[in-house]
């Protein structure tokens, strides 16, 4: 199923998660199984956190890019529209392509 994930774009042009396990590199085209990492200050919700649309008004997009991903074995998690609406927590994710850099705030994506 196609979903979208906001990833950090590093200076060396590699991609990585925003907050949890942020040293990980996310390659294009490689199926990745979710790992469970606990981090102080964050609710424990194992899985790749994605959305159905490239929208997450509560997150800055500075230094980040929206990516189209294929997700498998997922659950949907209801969140307010101010947090992007429904979150998709997937146990497997494959990065398909980098969509674009949407500027300072993700609500600029329509």
Protein backbone atom coordinates (compact mmCIF):
# COMPACT_ATOMS: atom_id res chain seq x y z
CA UNK A 1 0.00 0.00 0.00
CA UNK A 2 1.38 3.43 -0.91
CA UNK A 3 1.98 5.86 1.95
CA UNK A 4 4.31 8.80 2.68
CA UNK A 5 7.11 9.27 5.18
CA UNK A 6 8.98 12.41 6.14
CA UNK A 7 12.71 11.66 6.34
CA UNK A 8 15.76 13.66 7.28
CA UNK A 9 17.98 14.57 4.33
CA UNK A 10 21.58 14.56 5.52
CA UNK A 11 24.42 16.65 4.12
CA UNK A 12 25.83 13.54 2.44
CA UNK A 13 22.42 13.12 0.67
CA UNK A 14 21.48 9.98 2.61
CA UNK A 15 18.05 9.68 4.23
CA UNK A 16 17.24 8.79 7.81
CA UNK A 17 14.46 8.77 10.41
CA UNK A 18 13.57 12.02 12.16
CA UNK A 19 13.59 11.05 15.84
CA UNK A 20 13.86 7.34 16.68
CA UNK A 21 16.98 5.40 15.61
CA UNK A 22 18.02 8.54 13.72
CA UNK A 23 21.46 7.20 12.74
CA UNK A 24 19.87 4.59 10.50
CA UNK A 25 20.22 5.08 6.75
CA UNK A 26 17.14 4.40 4.64
CA UNK A 27 18.07 3.14 1.15
CA UNK A 28 15.77 3.31 -1.87
CA UNK A 29 14.25 0.00 -2.95
CA UNK A 30 15.21 -2.13 0.05
CA UNK A 31 12.40 -3.60 2.18
CA UNK A 32 13.08 -2.74 5.83
CA UNK A 33 11.49 -4.43 8.81
CA UNK A 34 10.51 -2.17 11.69
CA UNK A 35 12.58 -2.33 14.84
CA UNK A 36 11.28 -1.48 18.31
CA UNK A 37 13.28 1.32 19.94
CA UNK A 38 12.30 3.05 23.16
CA UNK A 39 13.31 6.68 23.58
CA UNK A 40 12.72 8.85 26.60
CA UNK A 41 10.08 11.50 25.98
CA UNK A 42 8.37 9.57 23.16
CA UNK A 43 5.34 7.30 23.29
CA UNK A 44 6.34 3.71 22.46
CA UNK A 45 4.63 2.95 19.14
CA UNK A 46 6.75 0.39 17.26
CA UNK A 47 6.67 0.49 13.47
CA UNK A 48 7.52 2.80 10.62
CA UNK A 49 5.41 5.94 11.12
CA UNK A 50 3.89 7.05 7.82
CA UNK A 51 0.80 8.91 6.59
CA UNK A 52 -1.60 8.42 3.69
CA UNK A 53 -0.87 11.94 2.42
CA UNK A 54 2.38 13.95 2.58
CA UNK A 55 1.00 16.22 5.30
CA UNK A 56 2.15 16.67 8.90
CA UNK A 57 1.45 20.25 10.03
CA UNK A 58 3.09 19.68 13.42
CA UNK A 59 6.50 18.91 11.86
CA UNK A 60 8.97 21.23 10.18
CA UNK A 61 10.22 20.18 6.76
CA UNK A 62 13.48 22.12 7.00
CA UNK A 63 16.23 19.64 6.12
CA UNK A 64 13.60 16.96 5.49
CA UNK A 65 11.91 15.48 2.44
CA UNK A 66 8.66 13.62 1.85
CA UNK A 67 9.15 10.17 0.40
CA UNK A 68 6.73 7.77 -1.23
CA UNK A 69 6.91 4.37 0.45
CA UNK A 70 5.27 0.98 0.15
CA UNK A 71 4.06 -0.32 3.52
CA UNK A 72 3.07 -3.83 4.55
CA UNK A 73 1.63 -5.33 7.72
CA UNK A 74 0.36 -2.03 9.08
CA UNK A 75 -2.19 -0.66 11.52
CA UNK A 76 -3.87 2.71 11.31
CA UNK A 77 -3.67 5.04 14.27
CA UNK A 78 -6.20 7.88 14.51
CA UNK A 79 -4.57 11.26 15.13
CA UNK A 80 -5.91 14.81 14.90
CA UNK A 81 -5.69 16.58 11.53
CA UNK A 82 -3.21 18.97 13.18
CA UNK A 83 -0.87 15.95 13.37
CA UNK A 84 -1.48 14.78 9.81
CA UNK A 85 -4.64 12.76 10.43
CA UNK A 86 -4.37 8.98 10.31
CA UNK A 87 -0.92 7.61 11.01
CA UNK A 88 0.14 4.34 9.45
CA UNK A 89 2.38 2.19 11.65
CA UNK A 90 3.95 -0.40 9.35
CA UNK A 91 6.02 -3.44 10.21
CA UNK A 92 7.71 -3.31 6.81
CA UNK A 93 8.48 -0.35 4.57
CA UNK A 94 10.20 0.08 1.22
CA UNK A 95 11.30 3.56 0.15
CA UNK A 96 10.15 4.03 -3.44
CA UNK A 97 11.16 7.60 -4.22
CA UNK A 98 11.86 11.03 -2.80
CA UNK A 99 8.89 13.23 -3.67
CA UNK A 100 10.16 16.78 -3.14
CA UNK A 101 11.27 19.32 -0.60
CA UNK A 102 8.14 21.17 0.45
CA UNK A 103 9.76 24.15 2.17
CA UNK A 104 9.52 25.34 5.75
CA UNK A 105 6.28 23.72 6.94
CA UNK A 106 4.58 20.56 5.74
CA UNK A 107 1.15 22.20 5.56
CA UNK A 108 2.46 23.86 2.39
CA UNK A 109 1.80 20.52 0.66
CA UNK A 110 -1.63 20.40 -0.91
